PDB file of N, CA and C in Angstrom:
ATOM      1  N   UNK A   1      -5.886 -24.549 -13.410  1.00  0.00           N
ATOM      2  CA  UNK A   1      -6.895 -23.669 -13.687  1.00  0.00           C
ATOM      3  C   UNK A   1      -7.409 -22.844 -12.327  1.00  0.00           C
ATOM      4  N   UNK A   2      -7.409 -23.506 -11.291  1.00  0.00           N
ATOM      5  CA  UNK A   2      -7.858 -22.829 -10.142  1.00  0.00           C
ATOM      6  C   UNK A   2      -6.895 -21.760  -9.628  1.00  0.00           C
ATOM      7  N   UNK A   3      -5.555 -22.030 -10.018  1.00  0.00           N
ATOM      8  CA  UNK A   3      -4.491 -20.965  -9.595  1.00  0.00           C
ATOM      9  C   UNK A   3      -4.730 -19.657 -10.416  1.00  0.00           C
ATOM     10  N   UNK A   4      -5.059 -20.034 -11.650  1.00  0.00           N
ATOM     11  CA  UNK A   4      -5.353 -18.667 -12.639  1.00  0.00           C
ATOM     12  C   UNK A   4      -6.658 -17.979 -12.141  1.00  0.00           C
ATOM     13  N   UNK A   5      -7.569 -18.691 -11.644  1.00  0.00           N
ATOM     14  CA  UNK A   5      -8.809 -17.922 -11.285  1.00  0.00           C
ATOM     15  C   UNK A   5      -8.593 -17.322  -9.916  1.00  0.00           C
ATOM     16  N   UNK A   6      -7.817 -18.048  -9.000  1.00  0.00           N
ATOM     17  CA  UNK A   6      -7.539 -17.362  -7.776  1.00  0.00           C
ATOM     18  C   UNK A   6      -6.699 -16.068  -7.861  1.00  0.00           C
ATOM     19  N   UNK A   7      -5.738 -16.212  -8.775  1.00  0.00           N
ATOM     20  CA  UNK A   7      -4.938 -14.922  -9.067  1.00  0.00           C
ATOM     21  C   UNK A   7      -5.681 -13.852  -9.620  1.00  0.00           C
ATOM     22  N   UNK A   8      -6.586 -14.124 -10.514  1.00  0.00           N
ATOM     23  CA  UNK A   8      -7.427 -13.138 -11.126  1.00  0.00           C
ATOM     24  C   UNK A   8      -8.277 -12.475 -10.228  1.00  0.00           C
ATOM     25  N   UNK A   9      -8.894 -13.297  -9.341  1.00  0.00           N
ATOM     26  CA  UNK A   9      -9.870 -12.844  -8.299  1.00  0.00           C
ATOM     27  C   UNK A   9      -8.978 -11.916  -7.420  1.00  0.00           C
ATOM     28  N   UNK A  10      -7.914 -12.274  -7.100  1.00  0.00           N
ATOM     29  CA  UNK A  10      -6.960 -11.492  -6.087  1.00  0.00           C
ATOM     30  C   UNK A  10      -6.795 -10.160  -6.635  1.00  0.00           C
ATOM     31  N   UNK A  11      -6.369 -10.060  -7.886  1.00  0.00           N
ATOM     32  CA  UNK A  11      -6.050  -8.871  -8.381  1.00  0.00           C
ATOM     33  C   UNK A  11      -7.285  -8.062  -8.713  1.00  0.00           C
ATOM     34  N   UNK A  12      -8.357  -8.669  -8.995  1.00  0.00           N
ATOM     35  CA  UNK A  12      -9.650  -7.745  -9.183  1.00  0.00           C
ATOM     36  C   UNK A  12      -9.981  -7.159  -7.796  1.00  0.00           C
ATOM     37  N   UNK A  13      -9.636  -7.827  -6.698  1.00  0.00           N
ATOM     38  CA  UNK A  13     -10.061  -7.258  -5.339  1.00  0.00           C
ATOM     39  C   UNK A  13      -8.994  -6.150  -5.137  1.00  0.00           C
ATOM     40  N   UNK A  14      -7.757  -6.241  -5.361  1.00  0.00           N
ATOM     41  CA  UNK A  14      -6.908  -5.099  -5.210  1.00  0.00           C
ATOM     42  C   UNK A  14      -7.216  -3.873  -6.105  1.00  0.00           C
ATOM     43  N   UNK A  15      -7.644  -4.261  -7.264  1.00  0.00           N
ATOM     44  CA  UNK A  15      -8.187  -3.056  -8.168  1.00  0.00           C
ATOM     45  C   UNK A  15      -9.243  -2.403  -7.704  1.00  0.00           C
ATOM     46  N   UNK A  16     -10.249  -3.146  -6.835  1.00  0.00           N
ATOM     47  CA  UNK A  16     -11.374  -2.448  -6.356  1.00  0.00           C
ATOM     48  C   UNK A  16     -10.930  -1.607  -5.231  1.00  0.00           C
ATOM     49  N   UNK A  17      -9.950  -2.047  -4.353  1.00  0.00           N
ATOM     50  CA  UNK A  17      -9.489  -1.239  -3.317  1.00  0.00           C
ATOM     51  C   UNK A  17      -8.779   0.022  -3.868  1.00  0.00           C
ATOM     52  N   UNK A  18      -8.113  -0.111  -4.946  1.00  0.00           N
ATOM     53  CA  UNK A  18      -7.434   1.048  -5.549  1.00  0.00           C
ATOM     54  C   UNK A  18      -8.396   1.912  -6.084  1.00  0.00           C
ATOM     55  N   UNK A  19      -9.555   1.378  -6.545  1.00  0.00           N
ATOM     56  CA  UNK A  19     -10.606   2.221  -7.165  1.00  0.00           C
ATOM     57  C   UNK A  19     -11.361   2.994  -6.187  1.00  0.00           C
ATOM     58  N   UNK A  20     -11.423   2.505  -4.890  1.00  0.00           N
ATOM     59  CA  UNK A  20     -12.123   3.272  -3.814  1.00  0.00           C
ATOM     60  C   UNK A  20     -11.218   4.443  -3.405  1.00  0.00           C
ATOM     61  N   UNK A  21      -9.717   4.284  -3.488  1.00  0.00           N
ATOM     62  CA  UNK A  21      -8.826   5.350  -3.057  1.00  0.00           C
ATOM     63  C   UNK A  21      -8.644   6.423  -4.174  1.00  0.00           C
ATOM     64  N   UNK A  22      -9.172   6.169  -5.540  1.00  0.00           N
ATOM     65  CA  UNK A  22      -9.070   7.322  -6.454  1.00  0.00           C
ATOM     66  C   UNK A  22     -10.365   8.048  -6.491  1.00  0.00           C
ATOM     67  N   UNK A  23     -10.230   9.396  -6.089  1.00  0.00           N
ATOM     68  CA  UNK A  23     -11.470  10.120  -6.040  1.00  0.00           C
ATOM     69  C   UNK A  23     -12.243  10.602  -7.328  1.00  0.00           C
ATOM     70  N   UNK A  24     -11.360  10.750  -8.487  1.00  0.00           N
ATOM     71  CA  UNK A  24     -11.953  11.198  -9.691  1.00  0.00           C
ATOM     72  C   UNK A  24     -12.338   9.955 -10.593  1.00  0.00           C
ATOM     73  N   UNK A  25     -13.620  10.126 -11.221  1.00  0.00           N
ATOM     74  CA  UNK A  25     -13.909   9.103 -12.083  1.00  0.00           C
ATOM     75  C   UNK A  25     -13.174   9.137 -13.411  1.00  0.00           C
ATOM     76  N   UNK A  26     -12.693  10.358 -13.814  1.00  0.00           N
ATOM     77  CA  UNK A  26     -11.978  10.520 -15.104  1.00  0.00           C
ATOM     78  C   UNK A  26     -10.613   9.848 -15.010  1.00  0.00           C
ATOM     79  N   UNK A  27      -9.920   9.953 -13.937  1.00  0.00           N
ATOM     80  CA  UNK A  27      -8.654   9.346 -13.701  1.00  0.00           C
ATOM     81  C   UNK A  27      -8.904   7.857 -13.614  1.00  0.00           C
ATOM     82  N   UNK A  28      -9.988   7.385 -12.974  1.00  0.00           N
ATOM     83  CA  UNK A  28     -10.245   5.956 -12.849  1.00  0.00           C
ATOM     84  C   UNK A  28     -10.376   5.445 -14.438  1.00  0.00           C
ATOM     85  N   UNK A  29     -11.082   6.004 -15.098  1.00  0.00           N
ATOM     86  CA  UNK A  29     -11.308   5.384 -16.451  1.00  0.00           C
ATOM     87  C   UNK A  29     -10.041   5.591 -17.256  1.00  0.00           C
ATOM     88  N   UNK A  30      -9.365   6.405 -17.215  1.00  0.00           N
ATOM     89  CA  UNK A  30      -7.877   6.430 -17.813  1.00  0.00           C
ATOM     90  C   UNK A  30      -7.054   5.320 -17.316  1.00  0.00           C
ATOM     91  N   UNK A  31      -7.093   5.160 -16.065  1.00  0.00           N
ATOM     92  CA  UNK A  31      -6.085   3.999 -15.498  1.00  0.00           C
ATOM     93  C   UNK A  31      -6.707   2.595 -15.983  1.00  0.00           C
ATOM     94  N   UNK A  32      -8.022   2.510 -15.979  1.00  0.00           N
ATOM     95  CA  UNK A  32      -8.662   1.301 -16.638  1.00  0.00           C
ATOM     96  C   UNK A  32      -8.276   0.945 -17.974  1.00  0.00           C
ATOM     97  N   UNK A  33      -8.383   2.092 -18.743  1.00  0.00           N
ATOM     98  CA  UNK A  33      -8.108   1.787 -20.257  1.00  0.00           C
ATOM     99  C   UNK A  33      -6.664   1.518 -20.310  1.00  0.00           C
ATOM    100  N   UNK A  34      -5.710   2.220 -19.659  1.00  0.00           N
ATOM    101  CA  UNK A  34      -4.297   1.986 -19.804  1.00  0.00           C
ATOM    102  C   UNK A  34      -4.045   0.630 -19.269  1.00  0.00           C
ATOM    103  N   UNK A  35      -4.554  -0.057 -18.267  1.00  0.00           N
ATOM    104  CA  UNK A  35      -4.238  -1.331 -17.729  1.00  0.00           C
ATOM    105  C   UNK A  35      -4.824  -2.280 -18.719  1.00  0.00           C
ATOM    106  N   UNK A  36      -5.985  -2.048 -19.271  1.00  0.00           N
ATOM    107  CA  UNK A  36      -6.593  -3.106 -20.187  1.00  0.00           C
ATOM    108  C   UNK A  36      -5.780  -3.115 -21.465  1.00  0.00           C
ATOM    109  N   UNK A  37      -5.343  -2.172 -22.010  1.00  0.00           N
ATOM    110  CA  UNK A  37      -4.465  -2.006 -23.104  1.00  0.00           C
ATOM    111  C   UNK A  37      -3.120  -2.780 -22.826  1.00  0.00           C
ATOM    112  N   UNK A  38      -2.492  -2.531 -21.737  1.00  0.00           N
ATOM    113  CA  UNK A  38      -1.299  -3.134 -21.287  1.00  0.00           C
ATOM    114  C   UNK A  38      -1.336  -4.572 -21.135  1.00  0.00           C
ATOM    115  N   UNK A  39      -2.467  -5.058 -20.425  1.00  0.00           N
ATOM    116  CA  UNK A  39      -2.693  -6.425 -20.153  1.00  0.00           C
ATOM    117  C   UNK A  39      -2.995  -7.127 -21.425  1.00  0.00           C
ATOM    118  N   UNK A  40      -3.659  -6.642 -22.436  1.00  0.00           N
ATOM    119  CA  UNK A  40      -3.929  -7.223 -23.648  1.00  0.00           C
ATOM    120  C   UNK A  40      -2.714  -7.406 -24.456  1.00  0.00           C
ATOM    121  N   UNK A  41      -1.829  -6.354 -24.496  1.00  0.00           N
ATOM    122  CA  UNK A  41      -0.616  -6.441 -25.102  1.00  0.00           C
ATOM    123  C   UNK A  41       0.380  -7.461 -24.616  1.00  0.00           C
ATOM    124  N   UNK A  42       0.439  -7.573 -23.188  1.00  0.00           N
ATOM    125  CA  UNK A  42       1.182  -8.546 -22.557  1.00  0.00           C
ATOM    126  C   UNK A  42       0.789  -9.963 -22.810  1.00  0.00           C
ATOM    127  N   UNK A  43      -0.598 -10.168 -22.873  1.00  0.00           N
ATOM    128  CA  UNK A  43      -1.132 -11.461 -23.215  1.00  0.00           C
ATOM    129  C   UNK A  43      -0.937 -11.855 -24.545  1.00  0.00           C
ATOM    130  N   UNK A  44      -1.087 -10.924 -25.558  1.00  0.00           N
ATOM    131  CA  UNK A  44      -0.965 -11.452 -26.914  1.00  0.00           C
ATOM    132  C   UNK A  44       0.434 -11.650 -27.256  1.00  0.00           C
ATOM    133  N   UNK A  45       1.339 -10.863 -26.882  1.00  0.00           N
ATOM    134  CA  UNK A  45       2.748 -10.776 -27.238  1.00  0.00           C
ATOM    135  C   UNK A  45       3.542 -11.870 -26.458  1.00  0.00           C
TER     136      UNK A  45
END
């Protein structure tokens, strides 16, 4: 369980760094939605 939590926290940190690099809020929202849908699809299937 600790490995899963550590992996998740690591990628949240990477996502926050990428979020600082993207200047537009609209592009950030589209990327977030795309990644959420993709992650859900991969998790369920």
